[in-house]
Amino acid sequence: MTKQQAFVLYLNEQAAWRTRKAAEDLEDLHNPRSAMALSMFARFVSSLPEDDSDLALLLNRLFFGKDGKILAGDQVSDAVIRYGFDDAPKGSREFLQKLSIYALRDQEHFRE
């Protein structure tokens, strides 16, 4: 599995979690909106070429386990799980770039 595929898998797992949460409370529109946004973002990431500069920067900053799966730091994890939760997401490219900043902050935190 490539790092890009691992990241897409991570995003889809988070979308699935939001979908399960949506089933628990059908009146709360936050979870289904977030699940949809995460799924759309995963499709966007999946469609990018491997040499996309924003994607490459993010993937170089993320942590990966021995099994190849993403080990998201706090900032990346919080940003992903909240994506689209409170309001419609801005733009996929913009979010990808923000995640790269969050991943760098997570790296700095782990170095301390």
Protein backbone atom coordinates (compact mmCIF):
# COMPACT_ATOMS: atom_id res chain seq x y z
CA MET A 1 0.00 0.00 0.00
CA THR A 2 1.35 3.42 -0.92
CA LYS A 3 1.34 6.29 1.55
CA GLN A 4 -1.36 7.95 -0.54
CA GLN A 5 -3.53 4.82 -0.34
CA ALA A 6 -2.92 4.61 3.41
CA PHE A 7 -4.02 8.22 3.83
CA VAL A 8 -7.16 7.63 1.74
CA LEU A 9 -7.92 4.55 3.85
CA TYR A 10 -7.52 6.63 7.02
CA LEU A 11 -9.92 9.27 5.67
CA ASN A 12 -12.48 6.64 4.68
CA GLU A 13 -12.24 5.02 8.13
CA GLN A 14 -12.97 8.40 9.72
CA ALA A 15 -15.91 8.92 7.34
CA ALA A 16 -17.25 5.46 8.29
CA TRP A 17 -16.98 6.36 11.97
CA ARG A 18 -18.96 9.56 11.35
CA THR A 19 -21.57 7.53 9.44
CA ARG A 20 -21.96 5.17 12.42
CA LYS A 21 -22.33 8.18 14.74
CA ALA A 22 -24.98 9.61 12.40
CA ALA A 23 -27.02 6.41 12.72
CA GLU A 24 -27.08 6.90 16.50
CA ASP A 25 -28.79 10.29 16.27
CA LEU A 26 -30.76 10.83 13.08
CA GLU A 27 -31.73 14.39 14.02
CA ASP A 28 -28.14 15.63 14.35
CA LEU A 29 -26.95 16.72 10.92
CA HIS A 30 -23.32 17.30 11.94
CA ASN A 31 -22.20 13.69 11.61
CA PRO A 32 -23.68 12.93 8.19
CA ARG A 33 -22.36 16.25 6.85
CA SER A 34 -18.89 15.42 8.17
CA ALA A 35 -19.05 11.86 6.80
CA MET A 36 -19.94 13.20 3.36
CA ALA A 37 -17.20 15.84 3.49
CA LEU A 38 -14.59 13.27 4.53
CA SER A 39 -15.66 10.89 1.77
CA MET A 40 -15.43 13.66 -0.81
CA PHE A 41 -12.02 14.70 0.52
CA ALA A 42 -10.83 11.08 0.33
CA ARG A 43 -11.93 10.95 -3.32
CA PHE A 44 -10.06 14.20 -3.98
CA VAL A 45 -6.87 12.85 -2.41
CA SER A 46 -7.24 9.59 -4.29
CA SER A 47 -7.51 11.48 -7.58
CA LEU A 48 -4.27 13.39 -7.09
CA PRO A 49 -1.13 12.31 -8.92
CA GLU A 50 1.57 10.89 -6.67
CA ASP A 51 3.84 13.84 -7.46
CA ASP A 52 1.31 16.48 -6.36
CA SER A 53 3.43 18.88 -4.30
CA ASP A 54 0.86 19.48 -1.54
CA LEU A 55 0.13 15.78 -1.16
CA ALA A 56 3.83 14.84 -1.18
CA LEU A 57 4.57 17.42 1.52
CA LEU A 58 1.79 16.10 3.74
CA LEU A 59 2.71 12.45 3.24
CA ASN A 60 6.32 13.21 4.14
CA ARG A 61 5.18 14.81 7.39
CA LEU A 62 2.69 12.16 8.49
CA PHE A 63 3.62 9.22 10.71
CA PHE A 64 3.12 5.68 9.41
CA GLY A 65 3.13 2.49 11.45
CA LYS A 66 5.00 -0.67 10.56
CA ASP A 67 1.77 -1.93 8.99
CA GLY A 68 1.73 1.11 6.69
CA LYS A 69 -1.29 2.72 8.35
CA ILE A 70 -1.45 6.35 9.37
CA LEU A 71 -0.58 7.16 12.97
CA ALA A 72 -2.20 10.57 13.13
CA GLY A 73 -0.93 13.06 15.66
CA ASP A 74 -3.35 15.12 17.71
CA GLN A 75 -3.57 18.09 15.35
CA VAL A 76 -4.07 16.03 12.20
CA SER A 77 -6.51 13.71 13.94
CA ASP A 78 -8.57 16.58 15.37
CA ALA A 79 -8.70 18.40 12.04
CA VAL A 80 -9.75 15.30 10.11
CA ILE A 81 -12.44 14.18 12.53
CA ARG A 82 -13.91 17.71 12.66
CA TYR A 83 -13.78 18.25 8.89
CA GLY A 84 -17.21 19.37 7.69
CA PHE A 85 -18.73 18.88 11.16
CA ASP A 86 -19.76 22.43 12.04
CA ASP A 87 -20.15 23.87 8.56
CA ALA A 88 -19.57 23.08 4.94
CA PRO A 89 -15.87 22.51 4.27
CA LYS A 90 -14.03 25.25 2.46
CA GLY A 91 -11.93 23.57 -0.23
CA SER A 92 -10.15 20.28 -0.56
CA ARG A 93 -6.86 21.82 -1.68
CA GLU A 94 -6.93 24.29 1.19
CA PHE A 95 -7.63 21.52 3.71
CA LEU A 96 -4.79 19.41 2.29
CA GLN A 97 -2.42 22.33 2.78
CA LYS A 98 -3.67 22.92 6.34
CA LEU A 99 -3.18 19.25 7.19
CA SER A 100 0.45 19.59 6.14
CA ILE A 101 0.89 22.41 8.66
CA TYR A 102 -0.83 20.36 11.36
CA ALA A 103 1.38 17.35 10.56
CA LEU A 104 4.47 19.53 10.97
CA ARG A 105 3.19 20.71 14.36
CA ASP A 106 2.57 17.08 15.34
CA GLN A 107 6.18 16.28 14.39
CA GLU A 108 7.43 19.11 16.57
CA HIS A 109 5.29 17.87 19.46
CA PHE A 110 6.68 14.32 19.15
CA ARG A 111 10.26 15.64 19.18
CA GLU A 112 9.76 17.30 22.57
